[in-house]
C-alpha atoms as a PDB file:
ATOM      1  CA  MET A   1     -34.211 -15.598   7.733  1.00  0.00           C
ATOM      2  CA  THR A   2     -37.559 -16.729   7.610  1.00  0.00           C
ATOM      3  CA  THR A   3     -38.581 -17.485   4.488  1.00  0.00           C
ATOM      4  CA  ALA A   4     -40.271 -14.888   3.606  1.00  0.00           C
ATOM      5  CA  ASP A   5     -37.106 -13.097   3.465  1.00  0.00           C
ATOM      6  CA  LEU A   6     -35.847 -15.537   1.750  1.00  0.00           C
ATOM      7  CA  LYS A   7     -38.507 -15.510  -1.310  1.00  0.00           C
ATOM      8  CA  ARG A   8     -37.764 -11.702  -1.553  1.00  0.00           C
ATOM      9  CA  LEU A   9     -34.427 -12.776  -2.979  1.00  0.00           C
ATOM     10  CA  SER A  10     -36.024 -14.772  -5.703  1.00  0.00           C
ATOM     11  CA  GLY A  11     -34.559 -13.309  -9.354  1.00  0.00           C
ATOM     12  CA  ALA A  12     -31.822 -10.828  -7.654  1.00  0.00           C
ATOM     13  CA  ILE A  13     -28.624 -10.777  -9.375  1.00  0.00           C
ATOM     14  CA  VAL A  14     -25.561 -12.514  -8.403  1.00  0.00           C
ATOM     15  CA  LEU A  15     -22.002 -12.468  -9.022  1.00  0.00           C
ATOM     16  CA  ILE A  16     -20.201 -15.709  -8.580  1.00  0.00           C
ATOM     17  CA  ARG A  17     -16.883 -16.007  -8.290  1.00  0.00           C
ATOM     18  CA  SER A  18     -14.465 -19.139  -7.937  1.00  0.00           C
ATOM     19  CA  ALA A  19     -11.880 -19.689  -5.294  1.00  0.00           C
ATOM     20  CA  ARG A  20     -10.257 -22.174  -7.364  1.00  0.00           C
ATOM     21  CA  ASP A  21      -9.379 -19.499 -10.355  1.00  0.00           C
ATOM     22  CA  LYS A  22      -5.947 -18.646 -10.327  1.00  0.00           C
ATOM     23  CA  ARG A  23      -5.860 -16.018 -13.356  1.00  0.00           C
ATOM     24  CA  VAL A  24      -5.365 -13.002 -13.121  1.00  0.00           C
ATOM     25  CA  PRO A  25      -7.572 -11.158 -13.417  1.00  0.00           C
ATOM     26  CA  PRO A  26      -9.808 -13.119 -11.981  1.00  0.00           C
ATOM     27  CA  THR A  27     -13.160 -13.719 -13.681  1.00  0.00           C
ATOM     28  CA  ALA A  28     -16.601 -14.185 -11.635  1.00  0.00           C
ATOM     29  CA  MET A  29     -19.903 -15.458 -13.455  1.00  0.00           C
ATOM     30  CA  ARG A  30     -23.415 -13.626 -13.451  1.00  0.00           C
ATOM     31  CA  GLY A  31     -25.922 -16.034 -11.662  1.00  0.00           C
ATOM     32  CA  THR A  32     -29.568 -15.378 -10.480  1.00  0.00           C
ATOM     33  CA  ILE A  33     -30.934 -16.679  -7.224  1.00  0.00           C
ATOM     34  CA  GLU A  34     -33.269 -18.473  -6.908  1.00  0.00           C
ATOM     35  CA  ILE A  35     -35.497 -20.077  -4.124  1.00  0.00           C
ATOM     36  CA  HIS A  36     -37.441 -23.829  -4.389  1.00  0.00           C
ATOM     37  CA  ALA A  37     -39.876 -24.376  -1.704  1.00  0.00           C
ATOM     38  CA  GLY A  38     -39.261 -26.594   1.354  1.00  0.00           C
ATOM     39  CA  ASP A  39     -41.174 -30.096   2.402  1.00  0.00           C
ATOM     40  CA  ASP A  40     -43.660 -29.641   4.530  1.00  0.00           C
ATOM     41  CA  GLY A  41     -42.788 -26.098   6.093  1.00  0.00           C
ATOM     42  CA  ALA A  42     -39.312 -26.966   5.635  1.00  0.00           C
ATOM     43  CA  THR A  43     -37.204 -24.101   5.157  1.00  0.00           C
ATOM     44  CA  PRO A  44     -36.905 -22.907   1.616  1.00  0.00           C
ATOM     45  CA  ALA A  45     -33.470 -23.985  -0.379  1.00  0.00           C
ATOM     46  CA  VAL A  46     -31.536 -20.774  -1.759  1.00  0.00           C
ATOM     47  CA  MET A  47     -29.894 -22.141  -5.769  1.00  0.00           C
ATOM     48  CA  LEU A  48     -27.602 -20.060  -7.576  1.00  0.00           C
ATOM     49  CA  ALA A  49     -28.917 -20.755 -11.719  1.00  0.00           C
ATOM     50  CA  LEU A  50     -25.492 -19.832 -13.875  1.00  0.00           C
ATOM     51  CA  ASP A  51     -26.639 -19.636 -17.874  1.00  0.00           C
ATOM     52  CA  TYR A  52     -23.701 -20.882 -20.328  1.00  0.00           C
ATOM     53  CA  PRO A  53     -24.262 -19.544 -23.637  1.00  0.00           C
ATOM     54  CA  GLN A  54     -24.470 -21.419 -26.995  1.00  0.00           C
ATOM     55  CA  MET A  55     -20.483 -21.691 -27.648  1.00  0.00           C
ATOM     56  CA  PHE A  56     -18.712 -22.546 -31.519  1.00  0.00           C
ATOM     57  CA  ASN A  57     -18.524 -26.319 -29.787  1.00  0.00           C
ATOM     58  CA  ALA A  58     -20.219 -26.358 -27.097  1.00  0.00           C
ATOM     59  CA  PRO A  59     -24.473 -25.739 -26.341  1.00  0.00           C
ATOM     60  CA  ALA A  60     -26.064 -23.675 -24.585  1.00  0.00           C
ATOM     61  CA  HIS A  61     -27.267 -24.817 -20.847  1.00  0.00           C
ATOM     62  CA  HIS A  62     -27.930 -23.968 -17.187  1.00  0.00           C
ATOM     63  CA  ARG A  63     -26.265 -24.907 -13.975  1.00  0.00           C
ATOM     64  CA  THR A  64     -27.778 -24.785 -10.537  1.00  0.00           C
ATOM     65  CA  ILE A  65     -25.826 -24.631  -7.158  1.00  0.00           C
ATOM     66  CA  GLU A  66     -27.599 -25.676  -3.979  1.00  0.00           C
ATOM     67  CA  LEU A  67     -26.396 -23.042  -0.841  1.00  0.00           C
ATOM     68  CA  SER A  68     -25.628 -24.286   2.063  1.00  0.00           C
ATOM     69  CA  ASP A  69     -26.591 -21.938   4.691  1.00  0.00           C
ATOM     70  CA  ARG A  70     -23.822 -20.984   5.532  1.00  0.00           C
ATOM     71  CA  GLN A  71     -22.851 -19.777   2.522  1.00  0.00           C
ATOM     72  CA  VAL A  72     -26.652 -18.463   2.306  1.00  0.00           C
ATOM     73  CA  ASP A  73     -25.881 -16.385   4.974  1.00  0.00           C
ATOM     74  CA  GLU A  74     -22.667 -14.979   3.691  1.00  0.00           C
ATOM     75  CA  LEU A  75     -24.575 -14.151   0.254  1.00  0.00           C
ATOM     76  CA  ILE A  76     -27.251 -12.021   2.089  1.00  0.00           C
ATOM     77  CA  ALA A  77     -24.535  -9.997   4.247  1.00  0.00           C
ATOM     78  CA  SER A  78     -22.825  -9.189   0.686  1.00  0.00           C
ATOM     79  CA  GLU A  79     -25.759  -6.832  -0.586  1.00  0.00           C
ATOM     80  CA  ARG A  80     -25.275  -4.087  -2.317  1.00  0.00           C
ATOM     81  CA  ASP A  81     -27.873  -1.838  -3.631  1.00  0.00           C
ATOM     82  CA  GLY A  82     -29.886  -5.372  -4.629  1.00  0.00           C
ATOM     83  CA  VAL A  83     -27.017  -6.657  -6.068  1.00  0.00           C
ATOM     84  CA  TYR A  84     -24.792  -9.706  -4.419  1.00  0.00           C
ATOM     85  CA  GLN A  85     -22.140 -11.512  -4.515  1.00  0.00           C
ATOM     86  CA  ILE A  86     -20.517 -14.448  -3.522  1.00  0.00           C
ATOM     87  CA  GLU A  87     -17.219 -17.034  -4.149  1.00  0.00           C
ATOM     88  CA  LEU A  88     -17.425 -20.809  -4.266  1.00  0.00           C
ATOM     89  CA  ASP A  89     -14.516 -23.159  -3.778  1.00  0.00           C
ATOM     90  CA  ILE A  90     -15.818 -24.394  -6.842  1.00  0.00           C
ATOM     91  CA  ASP A  91     -14.721 -24.859 -10.875  1.00  0.00           C
ATOM     92  CA  LEU A  92     -17.543 -22.258 -12.301  1.00  0.00           C
ATOM     93  CA  SER A  93     -16.608 -23.906 -16.121  1.00  0.00           C
ATOM     94  CA  PRO A  94     -19.117 -25.050 -18.304  1.00  0.00           C
ATOM     95  CA  THR A  95     -17.531 -28.486 -18.216  1.00  0.00           C
ATOM     96  CA  GLN A  96     -18.857 -29.050 -14.488  1.00  0.00           C
END
């Protein structure tokens, strides 16, 4: 995918599921795709931004997850009506 194609993803909504979530039904988080410019013409980094709301015992905070090239390909292939989804093998809890 070209740099211009990747930049078009910036700001798109993504549904992020954790492969480690064993609850029934599993939960997911809504995130935003961010594209960060690469150094000296390098391929831009594709990141998923998650915003965790303020809770009674925890302040609001932000988490960013960088995707590998394989994960970017999966993300792009998942597009349906401008919305993306991906399953990652990480814990999505706000304490991570």
